[in-house]
Every structure is written in structure tokens, then in C-alpha cells.
Amino acid sequence: MIRRSQSQQCSSYALLAFAAIYWFMSLTSGSTVHPSRELATTSTSGSEDGAALPVNGSFSFDGSTSDIARQLYLRHAAGESIAKVAPNTMPNAVTERLETLGVSYSDLPGLLQRAVLWDCGFVITPENDAVQVRTLGGRSMAQLAVSKLEFGVTGCTAFNCSQPNNETYYANEFCTGTQMLTAAKCLIEAFGSDASEYLAMWSNGGDPDVTPEIRAVKHAWLDSSSNESYVVYAVHTMRVDSEPSYGSCNSGGYGSLVVPCYGTRGASVEVLAVMTQPVASPWVTTWFKTYQSTTEATVGQTSSESAGFDLLLLVPIVCAALSRRAPPMPPTANIQV
């Protein structure tokens, strides 16, 4: 029998020790290591964590976009603040998104609370309930606005109003619920009526310096000319006591963004099939992560540093220790062939 050299024994022991340590760290991390799955997870979290906060740039909240979260952040960056909002029941999707990163909803400022609710796909009803919004094809909540061109394709007519910046905005004039919904890109969870049918159900106005007041409104009415009943849900962005009534302009002021949506009650199977949960905006995650608890941030940093430790560095240490403890090798006998 051929006896292995001391260096060969050292290499074997070191490899065994390396395997044992790697197995132990996999257990203590709470999951088995799967390279392909780990790569996919890292890619996803990287897009979330690496998203930069928005800057003003060429962005203008002028009614052409429903990127309400961005406008809320820009008002926050400008030093504005607003009262906190606490819906009757906090949606699980909001709680889970925050708690996964060690953030508490109650610790967020009012502007960020509204941004998180909106980005997760929730709006507040007049009864202070958070109702879910699903979007066409799962698009983000920033892509729900109906343009003047898209509105025109519905066959509806609009009236125009002037704004202090000399820009013109439009709102629906003659339009049936069926026509209006052909341009809708969202679906709102049904809720009780609040008699808001006297407001426009579509509008593309906007004040670049406004802090949007996000409201869910149910428009329900009977068309006297056709005796048809219609229901259109909509997202409004102006305070109820400031918004002009249907058919009126905001005299001397700015218009507002109004986004028409289907309601879950009465929507066809085809519509329900194409409306899904909106994709989240990575930069909103970046924003609320700045409110992580100190404990969570420290634990996350420690875990990250531990995960980055190179186990191969242990091999020479283990090898040296085993070499020091290994008994002297007896002289090898001559092998007779």
C-alpha cells in the first residue's frame, strides 16, 4: 500500500474542512445555495436598490402623466410636508413591501405614505378605505393617464379651459360611460357611490407645483337621452372642495389630472383578464429605504459583509493547523515489483 505524503494529506483535510464550513454557512443563512437562483435574486434586488431618486429635469406634472409618486417626491425634495394618511385597513401588499426591508409605514412622512400607496396600486375612497387598482397589462401606476389624442378616439367631446401658465387643459363634455371606458387603462375595486357624478371623469390639467390629493371617485349616472345607466370609476388628484363641477373650468386656477378606470363590478371577463397588479417603481423603494430602522440597516450591512467573505481564505489556515498537528510519517518501505 502506498502511503500519501504529508502535503497530500493536508490538501485532503483542507478540502474536507472547506466543504464542511461551506455547508455550515449555507445552513445558518437559512437556505441551501443554488447558484442559478441566487443570480436571479441578485439581479432583481439590484434593480430595486440601484434605482436613483428622480430629479426635476424636464418632468412636469401637467396632466400628461400619472406619475403621481414622482410629483410627491419632488414636492418632498422642495421641502413640503403633508398630514399622514392612515386607511381604515392597511393593504397587505403595502405592509409586506415595507417590512421586507425593515421599514414601518407609520414612520414615513405623509408624502411618502401616499407615494407608496399609489405605487403599490391603492387609492383612498371617501370612506377612507384603500381600494386596489389593477392596470392594463401590469403597467406601472405612472402610465395610466389618458391623453387628449386617446380621449378623442373614444368619440367623446371635450371643452377647454385656460390655466395661469397660459396652457390649455381639457375635460370631458359629452361622453357616455361606454365611450369613456374604451380609453381606460385601469380597474378599481368597486366601492359605494359618493354622489361625485357632478365632477369630470376625465381631465388633463395640472399644476407643476401642486401636491396631488389622490382620491378614488365613483361616477354613476342615468343618461336621460338614452335611459342608459353608466358607472365609471376614476382617480382624482384635486381636493374635493377645490375641484370644479362637471362642465366648469377652475376659474383663475389650474386644472387637474383625472384618470378614468373600469370598476370590478360589472367589468367583462375580457377586461378582468388583462388587468393585473401594477409593476412597482424601483426608485420608490430607494426612497422609503432611507427610513429603515437603525437595527435593520445594521443587520443588513453585517449580513452583506458576511456574505462577501471568501471561504477560500480559510484553506491555508486550516492546512497550516493540520500540518502542525500531523504526526511524523514513518519511513516508507521499499516496494518490491
Foldseek 3Di string as FASTA:
>chain_A
DDDDDLLVVLLVVLVVVLVVVVVVVCVVVPHHDDPVVVVVVCVVVCQLQVDAQDDPPVDFLFLPWQLLLNLLVHLVVVVDADQAADAPDDDPLLVCLQVVLQFDLVLDTRSLNVSSLQQQAWFQEPNRHTWGKFFFQQATSGHFGQDPVLLVVLVWDWDWDAAPVRDIKIFTDDDDQVSQAVSGGMEIEDDDAPPQLQATQFMRGDDRNDNWDWYKHWHWDQDPVVRDIHIKIKIWGDDPVQADTPPDDNPHHIHTGIGIHHYPPPDDPVVVVRTHGHDGDSVSSNVSSVRRDPVSVVVVVVVVVVVPDDSVVCSVVSSVVCSVVDDDDDDDDDDDD
